[in-house]
């Protein structure tokens, strides 16, 4: 029998043998090629595993440095490791890799809300010498980087007209803006809803702010406003928008805090303390060179910690007094602090306040600023320039202008109250203010070529 293939005559019996031979060769070649690819793939996987380990070690170095930053910021260590430094990754008592960290510190990063920032480069090295290089830039913040009203503002009711907060602001609750109240500068971090009614405003067209919102934005009628990056409408001016809630723990002022203050050294007063422009009553009996409060040359001089078992009262209700202070200290009340006087440093210019002169008022309960009848009118001419930290409420009066820092479980704003956050005040606080947790803003992460180490 004959068959015709492309006009060639081939015997069938020979054709079968050749076909079997060809198939065998194809199978052999296929197996050989497949084995070759498998070997290459296995080698690739092994190499990839080394690179992955090196990357993990680089990131482990960054994580360890984060812990060092937080411990240092809490005062648990005297300083950070000097850049550059190295560390080991150990598993079952065996060193399986290392990391090398170098970093630069910026105490006030204008590109990140004037918070502290770190640029960190970490090189991870596995046991075979394989290397990966990673760079991250972070900003570190705590409640002292914000005007901080933990639960809400004005118990969630409408914030009175003409009130304003200028600078970074945080609340776990909601903001209910009415009239012509406003928040400017930012970042603005709100855990609940924002209601923007009347002629109230968030940011400006010239200076939109960054908003982190855990709830919804609504107008005065209850309509939901769908915010986005670069949103500019309805008196809301947003640069960057995030619907992720950033959590900061509330401050804790309790007996443990008071005991810690005493252990670090403090002048103490058993009852109430009254401070006027000309007198201190009573004068703490156990003052020393580090912890004191006194009147000198018509100025209030303060240093260190002054712990008062009762109320602290500035001025008197029926008279207008200017209390001019110098120095840096922490006046602590186990009850309330009531301010009837204008309290400002002797030099309120940048570089002096808050760097050299800063009065910190800390109260277990409320701090009340009741100086709205003074003629203060602006950031340059405030009713008070200080830091106020209250375990319960910070209460303001109509027409108050307060410059510095306010932190409380809740802030009560009155009509035409202006709060100005002082840049860099968090870096100027004296020792022994109440502790808080930190949040980390990750500005960017990137892998670098090894040539850039």
Protein backbone atom coordinates (compact mmCIF):
# COMPACT_ATOMS: atom_id res chain seq x y z
CA UNK A 1 0.00 0.00 0.00
CA UNK A 2 1.28 3.40 -0.87
CA UNK A 3 0.30 6.87 0.38
CA UNK A 4 1.16 10.20 -1.15
CA UNK A 5 2.55 12.96 1.09
CA UNK A 6 3.42 16.18 -0.70
CA UNK A 7 3.91 14.25 -3.92
CA UNK A 8 6.51 11.99 -2.31
CA UNK A 9 6.11 8.22 -2.20
CA UNK A 10 6.90 6.67 1.22
CA UNK A 11 6.41 3.16 2.48
CA UNK A 12 3.97 3.02 5.41
CA UNK A 13 6.08 0.66 7.54
CA UNK A 14 9.09 3.01 7.48
CA UNK A 15 6.88 6.01 8.18
CA UNK A 16 5.65 4.58 11.52
CA UNK A 17 9.18 3.92 12.79
CA UNK A 18 10.31 7.42 11.89
CA UNK A 19 7.20 8.92 13.52
CA UNK A 20 7.86 7.04 16.76
CA UNK A 21 11.47 8.19 16.69
CA UNK A 22 10.44 11.82 16.14
CA UNK A 23 7.91 11.66 18.98
CA UNK A 24 10.56 10.20 21.28
CA UNK A 25 13.02 12.94 20.40
CA UNK A 26 10.35 15.61 20.98
CA UNK A 27 9.51 14.14 24.40
CA UNK A 28 13.18 13.96 25.33
CA UNK A 29 13.78 17.53 24.25
CA UNK A 30 10.66 18.68 26.11
CA UNK A 31 11.73 17.02 29.33
CA UNK A 32 15.24 18.44 28.97
CA UNK A 33 13.94 21.96 28.35
CA UNK A 34 11.39 21.64 31.19
CA UNK A 35 14.08 20.43 33.57
CA UNK A 36 16.28 23.32 32.52
CA UNK A 37 13.48 25.81 33.23
CA UNK A 38 12.74 24.15 36.57
CA UNK A 39 16.38 24.41 37.61
CA UNK A 40 16.47 28.06 36.58
CA UNK A 41 13.17 28.69 38.38
CA UNK A 42 14.44 27.02 41.54
CA UNK A 43 17.57 29.14 41.38
CA UNK A 44 15.41 32.23 40.84
CA UNK A 45 13.18 31.33 43.80
CA UNK A 46 16.22 30.86 46.03
CA UNK A 47 17.63 34.20 44.94
CA UNK A 48 14.23 35.83 45.36
CA UNK A 49 14.00 34.37 48.88
CA UNK A 50 17.33 35.99 49.75
CA UNK A 51 16.15 39.35 48.46
CA UNK A 52 12.88 39.02 50.34
CA UNK A 53 14.73 38.25 53.57
CA UNK A 54 16.99 41.26 53.05
CA UNK A 55 13.92 43.46 52.52
CA UNK A 56 12.31 42.07 55.68
CA UNK A 57 15.47 42.81 57.64
CA UNK A 58 15.56 46.39 56.32
CA UNK A 59 11.97 46.92 57.44
CA UNK A 60 12.68 45.25 60.79
CA UNK A 61 15.40 47.85 61.30
CA UNK A 62 12.89 50.63 60.62
CA UNK A 63 10.38 49.09 63.06
CA UNK A 64 13.03 48.86 65.78
CA UNK A 65 13.97 52.49 65.17
CA UNK A 66 10.29 53.49 65.48
CA UNK A 67 10.30 51.94 68.97
CA UNK A 68 13.45 53.87 69.85
CA UNK A 69 11.83 57.12 68.69
CA UNK A 70 8.71 56.51 70.79
CA UNK A 71 10.71 55.55 73.92
CA UNK A 72 12.86 58.65 73.51
CA UNK A 73 9.80 60.87 72.99
CA UNK A 74 8.26 59.45 76.19
CA UNK A 75 11.41 60.23 78.13
CA UNK A 76 12.18 56.54 78.70
CA UNK A 77 15.64 56.89 77.12
CA UNK A 78 18.11 59.76 77.17
CA UNK A 79 18.66 59.84 73.43
CA UNK A 80 18.44 58.08 70.09
CA UNK A 81 21.21 55.87 68.71
CA UNK A 82 23.74 58.00 66.87
CA UNK A 83 23.37 57.80 63.09
CA UNK A 84 24.46 55.51 61.50
CA UNK A 85 23.99 52.42 63.66
CA UNK A 86 23.55 48.67 63.14
CA UNK A 87 21.47 45.88 64.60
CA UNK A 88 21.14 42.10 64.38
CA UNK A 89 18.17 39.90 63.54
CA UNK A 90 18.31 36.82 65.78
CA UNK A 91 16.32 33.60 65.54
CA UNK A 92 16.88 30.76 68.04
CA UNK A 93 20.08 32.41 69.27
CA UNK A 94 21.41 32.54 65.69
CA UNK A 95 22.12 35.74 63.76
CA UNK A 96 20.18 35.38 60.51
CA UNK A 97 20.64 38.93 59.25
CA UNK A 98 21.55 42.51 60.06
CA UNK A 99 20.39 46.04 59.32
CA UNK A 100 22.12 49.39 59.05
CA UNK A 101 20.15 52.56 59.88
CA UNK A 102 21.00 56.15 59.02
CA UNK A 103 18.61 59.03 59.65
CA UNK A 104 18.14 62.79 59.75
CA UNK A 105 15.80 64.64 62.13
CA UNK A 106 13.78 67.76 61.41
CA UNK A 107 12.19 69.22 64.57
CA UNK A 108 9.59 71.18 62.60
CA UNK A 109 8.78 70.00 59.09
CA UNK A 110 6.89 72.69 57.18
CA UNK A 111 5.80 70.06 54.67
CA UNK A 112 4.15 67.95 57.36
CA UNK A 113 2.08 70.18 59.66
CA UNK A 114 5.21 71.53 61.41
CA UNK A 115 5.49 68.21 63.27
CA UNK A 116 8.75 66.42 63.97
CA UNK A 117 9.89 64.34 61.03
CA UNK A 118 12.52 61.70 60.35
CA UNK A 119 14.06 60.63 57.04
CA UNK A 120 15.28 57.06 57.56
CA UNK A 121 17.38 54.81 55.30
CA UNK A 122 17.64 51.15 56.26
CA UNK A 123 19.81 48.51 54.57
CA UNK A 124 18.87 44.89 55.25
CA UNK A 125 21.49 42.17 54.79
CA UNK A 126 20.76 38.44 54.91
CA UNK A 127 23.22 35.72 55.94
CA UNK A 128 24.49 35.32 52.35
CA UNK A 129 25.26 39.01 51.98
CA UNK A 130 22.23 39.84 49.82
CA UNK A 131 21.21 43.47 50.39
CA UNK A 132 18.09 45.64 50.00
CA UNK A 133 17.88 49.38 50.66
CA UNK A 134 14.69 51.17 51.81
CA UNK A 135 13.95 54.82 52.57
CA UNK A 136 10.97 56.06 54.59
CA UNK A 137 9.97 59.51 55.76
CA UNK A 138 7.65 59.85 58.74
CA UNK A 139 6.12 62.53 60.90
CA UNK A 140 5.57 61.89 64.59
CA UNK A 141 2.63 63.48 66.40
CA UNK A 142 0.79 63.32 69.72
CA UNK A 143 -2.00 65.34 71.31
CA UNK A 144 0.38 68.24 71.98
CA UNK A 145 0.58 68.81 68.22
CA UNK A 146 -3.12 69.80 68.15
CA UNK A 147 -5.76 71.90 69.77
CA UNK A 148 -7.25 68.77 71.33
CA UNK A 149 -10.88 68.29 72.40
CA UNK A 150 -11.20 64.56 72.91
CA UNK A 151 -14.94 63.88 73.13
CA UNK A 152 -16.40 66.72 71.06
CA UNK A 153 -16.64 70.51 71.00
CA UNK A 154 -19.47 72.19 72.92
CA UNK A 155 -20.90 68.70 73.67
CA UNK A 156 -21.70 68.33 69.97
CA UNK A 157 -24.03 71.36 69.94
CA UNK A 158 -23.65 74.24 67.51
CA UNK A 159 -20.38 76.12 67.94
CA UNK A 160 -21.25 79.81 68.44
CA UNK A 161 -20.88 82.33 65.64
CA UNK A 162 -17.54 84.04 64.95
CA UNK A 163 -15.59 81.40 66.89
CA UNK A 164 -12.51 80.04 65.19
CA UNK A 165 -9.64 77.60 65.65
CA UNK A 166 -6.45 78.39 63.77
CA UNK A 167 -4.05 75.48 63.44
CA UNK A 168 -4.14 71.69 63.83
CA UNK A 169 -7.24 70.37 65.59
CA UNK A 170 -8.36 66.94 66.85
CA UNK A 171 -11.62 65.60 68.23
CA UNK A 172 -12.96 62.08 68.56
CA UNK A 173 -16.52 63.42 68.41
CA UNK A 174 -18.38 65.66 65.98
CA UNK A 175 -18.17 69.28 64.90
CA UNK A 176 -21.39 71.25 64.55
CA UNK A 177 -20.61 74.59 62.96
CA UNK A 178 -23.17 77.36 62.82
CA UNK A 179 -23.22 81.08 62.14
CA UNK A 180 -19.75 82.08 60.99
CA UNK A 181 -17.62 79.67 63.04
CA UNK A 182 -14.57 78.26 61.28
CA UNK A 183 -11.55 75.98 61.40
CA UNK A 184 -8.42 77.03 59.55
CA UNK A 185 -4.88 75.84 58.92
CA UNK A 186 -5.30 72.18 59.76
CA UNK A 187 -4.86 69.34 59.71
CA UNK A 188 -8.42 68.84 60.93
CA UNK A 189 -9.05 65.38 62.42
CA UNK A 190 -12.66 64.58 63.31
CA UNK A 191 -13.85 61.17 64.49
CA UNK A 192 -17.58 61.86 64.07
CA UNK A 193 -19.62 63.93 61.63
CA UNK A 194 -19.04 67.50 60.51
CA UNK A 195 -22.07 69.74 60.08
CA UNK A 196 -21.32 72.92 58.14
CA UNK A 197 -24.27 75.31 58.42
CA UNK A 198 -24.93 79.02 58.07
CA UNK A 199 -21.84 80.93 56.95
CA UNK A 200 -19.41 78.65 58.78
CA UNK A 201 -16.23 77.65 57.04
CA UNK A 202 -13.55 74.96 56.86
CA UNK A 203 -10.28 76.20 55.37
CA UNK A 204 -10.05 78.99 52.82
CA UNK A 205 -9.65 79.10 49.05
CA UNK A 206 -6.12 80.45 49.51
CA UNK A 207 -5.22 77.95 52.24
CA UNK A 208 -7.22 74.72 51.95
CA UNK A 209 -6.60 72.26 54.77
CA UNK A 210 -6.12 68.51 55.13
CA UNK A 211 -9.15 66.72 56.57
CA UNK A 212 -9.29 63.28 58.22
CA UNK A 213 -12.95 62.42 58.77
CA UNK A 214 -14.32 59.33 60.51
CA UNK A 215 -17.99 60.20 59.94
CA UNK A 216 -19.88 62.14 57.28
CA UNK A 217 -19.95 65.76 56.21
CA UNK A 218 -23.42 67.36 56.08
CA UNK A 219 -24.82 70.79 55.43
CA UNK A 220 -27.28 72.58 57.70
CA UNK A 221 -30.24 70.75 56.15
CA UNK A 222 -28.70 67.33 56.77
CA UNK A 223 -27.68 66.67 53.16
CA UNK A 224 -24.53 64.55 52.83
CA UNK A 225 -21.57 66.35 51.25
CA UNK A 226 -19.29 63.98 49.32
CA UNK A 227 -15.83 65.31 50.04
CA UNK A 228 -12.77 64.57 47.90
CA UNK A 229 -9.22 65.80 47.48
CA UNK A 230 -9.15 69.42 46.26
CA UNK A 231 -12.79 69.97 47.21
CA UNK A 232 -13.76 73.65 47.07
CA UNK A 233 -17.46 74.40 47.46
CA UNK A 234 -20.06 75.31 50.09
CA UNK A 235 -17.48 77.13 52.26
CA UNK A 236 -15.40 73.93 52.51
CA UNK A 237 -11.86 74.08 51.15
CA UNK A 238 -9.99 70.77 51.26
CA UNK A 239 -6.51 70.01 49.97
CA UNK A 240 -6.18 66.34 50.95
CA UNK A 241 -9.13 64.29 52.19
CA UNK A 242 -9.01 60.97 54.05
CA UNK A 243 -11.95 58.97 55.40
CA UNK A 244 -9.64 57.07 57.78
CA UNK A 245 -9.92 57.91 61.47
CA UNK A 246 -6.61 58.66 63.18
CA UNK A 247 -6.82 57.64 66.82
CA UNK A 248 -5.06 59.44 69.66
CA UNK A 249 -5.59 58.35 73.26
CA UNK A 250 -7.08 60.80 75.72
CA UNK A 251 -4.79 62.28 78.34
CA UNK A 252 -4.74 60.84 81.86
CA UNK A 253 -4.43 63.10 84.90
CA UNK A 254 -4.77 61.08 88.11
CA UNK A 255 -3.10 60.28 91.43
CA UNK A 256 -0.35 58.37 89.62
CA UNK A 257 0.47 61.51 87.65
CA UNK A 258 0.58 63.62 90.82
CA UNK A 259 2.87 61.08 92.51
CA UNK A 260 5.16 61.16 89.48
CA UNK A 261 5.30 64.96 89.67
CA UNK A 262 6.35 64.81 93.33
CA UNK A 263 8.98 62.16 92.58
CA UNK A 264 10.56 64.44 89.95
CA UNK A 265 10.55 67.37 92.35
CA UNK A 266 7.84 69.94 93.00
CA UNK A 267 7.00 72.87 95.23
CA UNK A 268 3.61 72.22 96.85
CA UNK A 269 0.63 74.16 98.21
CA UNK A 270 -1.84 72.44 100.56
CA UNK A 271 -4.94 74.54 99.85
CA UNK A 272 -5.93 77.02 97.13
CA UNK A 273 -3.40 79.26 95.38
CA UNK A 274 -4.21 82.83 94.31
CA UNK A 275 -1.91 84.69 91.93
CA UNK A 276 -2.24 88.42 91.18
CA UNK A 277 -0.02 90.95 89.45
CA UNK A 278 1.62 91.79 92.79
CA UNK A 279 1.28 88.76 95.07
CA UNK A 280 1.22 84.98 95.48
CA UNK A 281 -0.86 83.59 98.32
CA UNK A 282 0.30 81.35 99.84
CA UNK A 283 3.92 81.05 98.76
CA UNK A 284 4.92 77.35 98.57
CA UNK A 285 6.97 76.51 101.66
CA UNK A 286 9.27 74.00 99.97
CA UNK A 287 10.47 75.98 96.95
CA UNK A 288 14.01 75.38 95.72
CA UNK A 289 16.31 76.51 92.93
CA UNK A 290 14.55 74.32 90.36
CA UNK A 291 10.90 74.55 91.42
CA UNK A 292 9.59 77.96 92.39
CA UNK A 293 6.99 80.67 91.77
CA UNK A 294 7.50 84.28 92.89
CA UNK A 295 6.98 87.94 91.98
CA UNK A 296 10.09 89.90 90.94
CA UNK A 297 10.12 93.36 89.34
CA UNK A 298 6.37 93.17 88.72
CA UNK A 299 6.74 89.88 86.85
CA UNK A 300 5.65 86.36 87.72
CA UNK A 301 8.75 84.15 87.73
CA UNK A 302 8.16 80.43 87.41
CA UNK A 303 10.31 77.31 87.04
CA UNK A 304 9.73 73.57 87.35
CA UNK A 305 6.62 72.06 88.95
CA UNK A 306 4.19 73.72 91.38
CA UNK A 307 1.59 71.23 92.70
CA UNK A 308 -1.53 72.73 94.32
CA UNK A 309 -3.98 70.53 96.25
CA UNK A 310 -6.86 72.99 95.69
CA UNK A 311 -7.89 75.55 93.06
CA UNK A 312 -5.55 77.95 91.29
CA UNK A 313 -7.01 81.42 90.69
CA UNK A 314 -5.43 84.19 88.60
CA UNK A 315 -6.53 87.74 89.39
CA UNK A 316 -9.98 88.51 90.76
CA UNK A 317 -13.43 88.57 89.24
CA UNK A 318 -14.08 92.29 89.65
CA UNK A 319 -10.76 93.79 88.50
CA UNK A 320 -8.70 93.75 85.31
CA UNK A 321 -5.11 92.66 85.85
CA UNK A 322 -2.21 91.94 83.55
CA UNK A 323 0.02 89.14 84.84
CA UNK A 324 3.30 89.16 82.94
CA UNK A 325 5.38 86.01 83.35
CA UNK A 326 8.91 84.83 82.65
CA UNK A 327 10.33 81.32 82.73
CA UNK A 328 9.08 77.86 81.94
CA UNK A 329 7.02 75.90 84.46
CA UNK A 330 4.03 73.68 85.12
CA UNK A 331 1.30 74.92 87.50
CA UNK A 332 -0.74 71.86 88.48
CA UNK A 333 -4.09 71.87 90.29
CA UNK A 334 -5.78 68.85 91.82
CA UNK A 335 -9.06 70.67 91.27
CA UNK A 336 -9.83 73.65 88.95
CA UNK A 337 -7.94 76.58 87.44
CA UNK A 338 -9.83 79.87 87.03
CA UNK A 339 -8.34 82.79 85.11
CA UNK A 340 -9.67 86.33 85.57
CA UNK A 341 -6.42 88.04 84.48
CA UNK A 342 -4.63 88.59 81.20
CA UNK A 343 -1.70 86.12 81.30
CA UNK A 344 1.08 86.71 78.77
CA UNK A 345 4.88 86.33 78.69
CA UNK A 346 7.09 89.41 78.93
CA UNK A 347 8.12 88.93 75.30
CA UNK A 348 5.51 87.28 73.10
CA UNK A 349 7.65 87.43 69.96
CA UNK A 350 8.66 84.17 68.21
CA UNK A 351 11.93 82.91 69.63
CA UNK A 352 10.93 83.97 73.15
CA UNK A 353 7.43 82.47 73.38
CA UNK A 354 7.15 79.52 73.69
CA UNK A 355 10.85 78.69 73.42
CA UNK A 356 12.08 80.40 76.60
CA UNK A 357 8.90 81.54 78.34
CA UNK A 358 5.97 79.14 78.62
CA UNK A 359 3.46 78.79 81.45
CA UNK A 360 1.67 75.41 81.45
CA UNK A 361 -1.63 75.17 83.35
CA UNK A 362 -2.63 71.59 84.23
CA UNK A 363 -5.87 70.78 86.09
CA UNK A 364 -7.51 67.56 87.19
CA UNK A 365 -10.95 69.07 86.45
CA UNK A 366 -11.74 72.30 84.55
CA UNK A 367 -9.78 75.29 83.30
CA UNK A 368 -11.86 78.45 82.78
CA UNK A 369 -10.68 81.52 80.85
CA UNK A 370 -12.96 84.39 81.95
CA UNK A 371 -11.23 87.45 80.49
CA UNK A 372 -13.51 88.33 77.58
CA UNK A 373 -14.03 91.88 78.86
CA UNK A 374 -10.37 92.72 78.18
CA UNK A 375 -9.56 94.61 74.98
CA UNK A 376 -7.60 91.76 73.40
CA UNK A 377 -8.28 91.54 69.69
CA UNK A 378 -5.80 89.35 67.84
CA UNK A 379 -3.06 86.73 67.74
CA UNK A 380 -0.54 89.48 68.53
CA UNK A 381 -2.68 90.80 71.40
CA UNK A 382 -4.26 87.78 73.16
CA UNK A 383 -6.07 87.42 76.50
CA UNK A 384 -3.77 84.50 77.34
CA UNK A 385 -0.60 83.03 75.88
CA UNK A 386 0.09 79.70 77.55
CA UNK A 387 -0.58 75.96 77.39
CA UNK A 388 -3.72 74.68 79.13
CA UNK A 389 -4.26 70.97 79.86
CA UNK A 390 -7.54 69.96 81.55
CA UNK A 391 -8.69 66.51 82.63
CA UNK A 392 -12.29 67.60 82.07
CA UNK A 393 -13.30 70.84 80.30
CA UNK A 394 -11.66 73.99 79.02
CA UNK A 395 -14.27 76.76 79.20
CA UNK A 396 -14.01 80.09 77.40
CA UNK A 397 -15.92 83.35 77.66
CA UNK A 398 -17.22 85.53 74.82
CA UNK A 399 -14.52 87.50 72.99
CA UNK A 400 -11.57 85.42 74.25
CA UNK A 401 -8.34 85.35 72.21
CA UNK A 402 -6.10 82.52 73.38
CA UNK A 403 -2.70 81.79 71.89
CA UNK A 404 -0.70 78.64 72.60
CA UNK A 405 -2.21 75.22 73.23
CA UNK A 406 -5.53 73.90 74.58
CA UNK A 407 -6.00 70.24 75.51
CA UNK A 408 -9.06 68.86 77.27
CA UNK A 409 -11.63 66.14 77.40
CA UNK A 410 -13.90 68.80 75.92
CA UNK A 411 -13.46 72.42 74.83
CA UNK A 412 -16.37 74.83 75.23
CA UNK A 413 -16.10 77.72 72.77
CA UNK A 414 -18.12 80.89 73.31
CA UNK A 415 -19.13 83.55 70.80
CA UNK A 416 -16.21 85.26 69.05
CA UNK A 417 -13.63 83.05 70.76
CA UNK A 418 -10.42 82.64 68.79
CA UNK A 419 -7.92 79.84 69.53
CA UNK A 420 -4.48 80.14 67.91
CA UNK A 421 -2.22 77.10 68.03
CA UNK A 422 1.38 78.19 68.49
CA UNK A 423 3.71 76.43 66.07
CA UNK A 424 6.43 74.34 67.74
CA UNK A 425 4.84 74.64 71.18
CA UNK A 426 4.88 70.84 71.53
CA UNK A 427 8.69 70.95 71.37
CA UNK A 428 8.89 73.70 74.00
CA UNK A 429 6.85 72.10 76.78
CA UNK A 430 8.62 71.60 80.11
CA UNK A 431 9.18 68.13 81.49
CA UNK A 432 6.48 66.20 83.31
CA UNK A 433 3.40 67.12 81.30
CA UNK A 434 0.89 64.22 81.12
CA UNK A 435 1.98 61.44 78.78
CA UNK A 436 0.14 60.38 75.66
CA UNK A 437 0.47 57.94 72.79
CA UNK A 438 2.00 58.84 69.45
CA UNK A 439 0.69 58.56 65.92
CA UNK A 440 2.94 58.19 62.90
CA UNK A 441 2.16 59.80 59.56
CA UNK A 442 4.00 57.81 56.88
CA UNK A 443 4.93 60.42 54.28
CA UNK A 444 6.47 57.97 51.80
CA UNK A 445 8.18 54.59 51.39
CA UNK A 446 10.52 53.70 48.55
CA UNK A 447 13.20 51.17 47.69
CA UNK A 448 16.50 52.67 46.63
CA UNK A 449 19.18 51.29 44.33
CA UNK A 450 22.09 50.08 46.42
CA UNK A 451 24.29 52.74 44.84
CA UNK A 452 22.31 55.39 46.76
CA UNK A 453 23.15 54.12 50.23
